């Protein structure tokens, strides 16, 4: 097998991997769905605490929020896997990153506050730091600079919430973080995916 033939095969393999990676990253429905759900649940839990004073129901609401968020994530990931013919290394790393950060988020939300390591009102600050890492790493995996830049929303928002007064203000900041940290990247990814599909159709 000569060098040119080897190079051609490597080019074909690389193009297949790049195409699958673009299509995996292209559909931002996962980010949009998680973002919309996150905004709704954040407002609901904040309203229970700050407006309706339903303190005894906050912890069960947080648990239910985690269960439903996991169900939404599983639905979108499993549906995407059924459509894909090849599961790339990039997709595997993406899922593993979300899983690892999700486990960390659960520990932040329940284990340490319940054992009085820190108060519950610090949860949004720490969660934002973790999801900032998630967004940045995901942007590196899929080679999307826009997604990496959106991670600044998570880290910057964490700083704002750390020094903001407790109350609905922190909830509004967190909802804005989700908007720019999850939903905006999802919209960008969907746009890139549509442009990619359109260029493929024009080229065919």
Protein backbone atom coordinates (compact mmCIF):
# COMPACT_ATOMS: atom_id res chain seq x y z
CA UNK A 1 0.00 0.00 0.00
CA UNK A 2 1.67 3.23 -1.15
CA UNK A 3 1.80 6.53 0.70
CA UNK A 4 -0.80 8.22 -1.52
CA UNK A 5 -3.35 5.47 -0.91
CA UNK A 6 -2.79 5.67 2.85
CA UNK A 7 -3.22 9.44 2.75
CA UNK A 8 -6.45 9.13 0.78
CA UNK A 9 -7.89 6.66 3.30
CA UNK A 10 -6.88 8.88 6.21
CA UNK A 11 -8.54 11.85 4.50
CA UNK A 12 -11.76 9.88 3.99
CA UNK A 13 -11.80 8.78 7.64
CA UNK A 14 -11.13 12.33 8.83
CA UNK A 15 -13.92 13.72 6.65
CA UNK A 16 -16.36 11.12 8.00
CA UNK A 17 -15.43 11.94 11.59
CA UNK A 18 -15.66 15.70 10.97
CA UNK A 19 -19.06 15.33 9.33
CA UNK A 20 -20.43 13.25 12.18
CA UNK A 21 -19.00 15.70 14.71
CA UNK A 22 -20.58 18.67 12.93
CA UNK A 23 -23.94 16.94 12.78
CA UNK A 24 -23.69 15.95 16.44
CA UNK A 25 -22.87 19.50 17.46
CA UNK A 26 -25.15 21.02 14.87
CA UNK A 27 -28.48 20.34 16.45
CA UNK A 28 -28.78 22.65 19.45
CA UNK A 29 -32.14 21.21 20.51
CA UNK A 30 -30.52 19.61 23.55
CA UNK A 31 -29.12 22.92 24.80
CA UNK A 32 -32.34 24.79 24.05
CA UNK A 33 -34.52 22.22 25.83
CA UNK A 34 -32.27 22.13 28.90
CA UNK A 35 -32.13 25.93 28.89
CA UNK A 36 -35.88 26.47 28.67
CA UNK A 37 -36.48 23.89 31.37
CA UNK A 38 -33.78 25.48 33.53
CA UNK A 39 -35.35 28.95 33.30
CA UNK A 40 -38.82 27.64 34.17
CA UNK A 41 -37.61 25.55 37.11
CA UNK A 42 -35.38 28.35 38.43
CA UNK A 43 -38.26 30.82 38.48
CA UNK A 44 -40.61 28.27 40.05
CA UNK A 45 -38.22 27.38 42.89
CA UNK A 46 -37.28 31.03 43.51
CA UNK A 47 -40.97 31.98 43.65
CA UNK A 48 -41.63 29.20 46.16
CA UNK A 49 -38.90 30.58 48.40
CA UNK A 50 -39.14 34.35 47.97
CA UNK A 51 -42.80 34.97 47.09
CA UNK A 52 -44.90 32.12 48.51
CA UNK A 53 -42.56 31.23 51.42
CA UNK A 54 -43.04 27.50 50.87
CA UNK A 55 -39.75 26.58 52.50
CA UNK A 56 -40.74 23.00 53.33
CA UNK A 57 -41.34 22.23 49.65
CA UNK A 58 -38.08 23.60 48.26
CA UNK A 59 -35.96 20.49 48.83
CA UNK A 60 -38.56 18.13 47.26
CA UNK A 61 -38.85 20.59 44.37
CA UNK A 62 -35.07 20.51 43.86
CA UNK A 63 -35.11 16.71 43.84
CA UNK A 64 -37.96 16.65 41.33
CA UNK A 65 -36.11 19.22 39.24
CA UNK A 66 -33.02 17.00 39.04
CA UNK A 67 -35.09 13.93 38.08
CA UNK A 68 -36.95 15.77 35.32
CA UNK A 69 -33.79 17.42 34.00
CA UNK A 70 -32.10 14.01 33.82
CA UNK A 71 -35.14 12.63 31.97
CA UNK A 72 -35.00 15.49 29.43
CA UNK A 73 -31.27 14.98 28.88
CA UNK A 74 -31.69 11.22 28.48
CA UNK A 75 -34.53 11.70 25.98
CA UNK A 76 -32.50 13.97 23.68
CA UNK A 77 -29.27 11.96 23.95
CA UNK A 78 -30.97 8.61 23.32
CA UNK A 79 -32.94 10.01 20.38
CA UNK A 80 -29.73 11.40 18.84
CA UNK A 81 -27.96 8.05 19.27
CA UNK A 82 -30.74 6.24 17.40
CA UNK A 83 -30.30 8.56 14.41
CA UNK A 84 -26.52 8.22 14.30
CA UNK A 85 -24.90 5.40 12.36
CA UNK A 86 -21.51 5.97 13.98
CA UNK A 87 -20.84 7.06 17.55
CA UNK A 88 -17.77 9.24 17.39
CA UNK A 89 -15.14 9.80 20.04
CA UNK A 90 -16.25 13.45 20.22
CA UNK A 91 -19.81 12.38 21.06
CA UNK A 92 -18.55 9.99 23.73
CA UNK A 93 -16.44 12.69 25.38
CA UNK A 94 -19.36 15.14 25.18
CA UNK A 95 -21.73 12.73 26.97
CA UNK A 96 -19.11 11.79 29.55
CA UNK A 97 -18.42 15.47 30.26
CA UNK A 98 -22.10 16.19 30.84
CA UNK A 99 -22.43 13.10 33.03
CA UNK A 100 -19.41 14.05 35.17
CA UNK A 101 -20.58 17.65 35.57
CA UNK A 102 -24.10 16.43 36.33
CA UNK A 103 -22.85 14.22 39.17
CA UNK A 104 -20.83 17.18 40.48
CA UNK A 105 -23.92 19.40 40.29
CA UNK A 106 -25.97 16.89 42.30
CA UNK A 107 -23.31 16.83 45.01
CA UNK A 108 -23.27 20.63 45.05
CA UNK A 109 -27.06 20.84 45.32
CA UNK A 110 -27.63 18.18 47.98
CA UNK A 111 -24.66 16.52 49.66
CA UNK A 112 -22.68 19.53 50.87
CA UNK A 113 -25.57 21.89 51.77
CA UNK A 114 -27.44 19.16 53.66
CA UNK A 115 -24.29 18.28 55.61
CA UNK A 116 -23.87 22.03 56.34
CA UNK A 117 -20.59 22.49 54.47
CA UNK A 118 -22.08 25.69 53.01
CA UNK A 119 -25.56 27.33 52.93
CA UNK A 120 -28.11 26.55 50.23
CA UNK A 121 -28.00 30.08 48.78
CA UNK A 122 -24.51 29.38 47.39
CA UNK A 123 -25.80 26.56 45.17
CA UNK A 124 -26.44 28.77 42.07
CA UNK A 125 -22.94 30.27 42.32
CA UNK A 126 -21.20 26.89 42.44
CA UNK A 127 -23.49 25.36 39.80
CA UNK A 128 -22.63 28.20 37.42
CA UNK A 129 -18.91 27.55 37.85
CA UNK A 130 -19.39 23.87 36.98
CA UNK A 131 -21.60 24.51 33.95
CA UNK A 132 -19.11 27.11 32.73
CA UNK A 133 -16.58 24.31 32.50
CA UNK A 134 -19.17 22.13 30.73
CA UNK A 135 -19.85 24.79 28.10
CA UNK A 136 -16.16 25.53 27.54
CA UNK A 137 -15.17 21.87 27.17
CA UNK A 138 -18.15 21.20 24.87
CA UNK A 139 -17.04 24.09 22.69
CA UNK A 140 -13.58 22.56 22.46
CA UNK A 141 -14.96 19.12 21.62
CA UNK A 142 -17.11 20.40 18.76
CA UNK A 143 -14.69 23.16 17.72
CA UNK A 144 -17.33 25.85 18.29
CA UNK A 145 -15.78 29.09 19.47
CA UNK A 146 -19.24 30.57 20.08
CA UNK A 147 -19.98 27.89 22.65
CA UNK A 148 -16.66 28.50 24.38
CA UNK A 149 -17.39 32.23 24.55
CA UNK A 150 -20.81 31.53 26.06
CA UNK A 151 -19.07 29.90 29.01
CA UNK A 152 -18.16 33.43 30.10
CA UNK A 153 -21.85 33.93 30.90
CA UNK A 154 -21.67 31.14 33.47
CA UNK A 155 -18.47 32.36 35.11
CA UNK A 156 -19.40 36.04 34.98
CA UNK A 157 -22.87 35.26 36.31
CA UNK A 158 -21.37 33.29 39.19
CA UNK A 159 -19.41 36.39 40.20
CA UNK A 160 -22.53 38.56 40.02
CA UNK A 161 -24.60 36.16 42.12
CA UNK A 162 -21.82 35.77 44.68
CA UNK A 163 -22.00 39.48 45.53
CA UNK A 164 -25.66 40.16 44.78
CA UNK A 165 -28.26 40.37 47.52
CA UNK A 166 -30.28 37.25 48.14
CA UNK A 167 -33.76 37.16 46.66
CA UNK A 168 -35.38 37.25 43.24
CA UNK A 169 -32.47 39.30 41.87
CA UNK A 170 -30.20 36.26 42.04
CA UNK A 171 -32.87 34.16 40.35
CA UNK A 172 -33.15 36.66 37.51
CA UNK A 173 -29.37 36.67 37.11
CA UNK A 174 -29.34 32.88 36.98
CA UNK A 175 -32.10 32.84 34.37
CA UNK A 176 -30.12 35.34 32.27
CA UNK A 177 -27.08 33.08 32.61
CA UNK A 178 -29.08 30.12 31.30
CA UNK A 179 -30.36 32.25 28.41
CA UNK A 180 -26.86 33.23 27.28
CA UNK A 181 -25.11 30.07 28.48
CA UNK A 182 -27.45 27.37 27.11
CA UNK A 183 -30.21 28.71 24.88
CA UNK A 184 -28.06 31.12 22.83
CA UNK A 185 -25.46 28.42 22.06
CA UNK A 186 -28.28 26.08 21.09
CA UNK A 187 -29.66 28.63 18.64
CA UNK A 188 -26.19 29.19 17.19
CA UNK A 189 -25.65 25.45 16.81
CA UNK A 190 -29.00 25.02 15.07
CA UNK A 191 -28.14 27.85 12.69
CA UNK A 192 -24.76 26.29 11.90
CA UNK A 193 -26.40 22.92 11.34
CA UNK A 194 -28.93 24.38 8.91
CA UNK A 195 -26.20 26.25 7.03
CA UNK A 196 -24.15 23.05 6.82
CA UNK A 197 -27.10 21.04 5.49
CA UNK A 198 -27.91 23.80 3.00
CA UNK A 199 -24.33 23.87 1.70
CA UNK A 200 -24.38 20.07 1.34
CA UNK A 201 -27.62 20.22 -0.66
CA UNK A 202 -26.25 22.95 -2.93
CA UNK A 203 -23.05 21.01 -3.44
CA UNK A 204 -24.82 17.76 -4.32
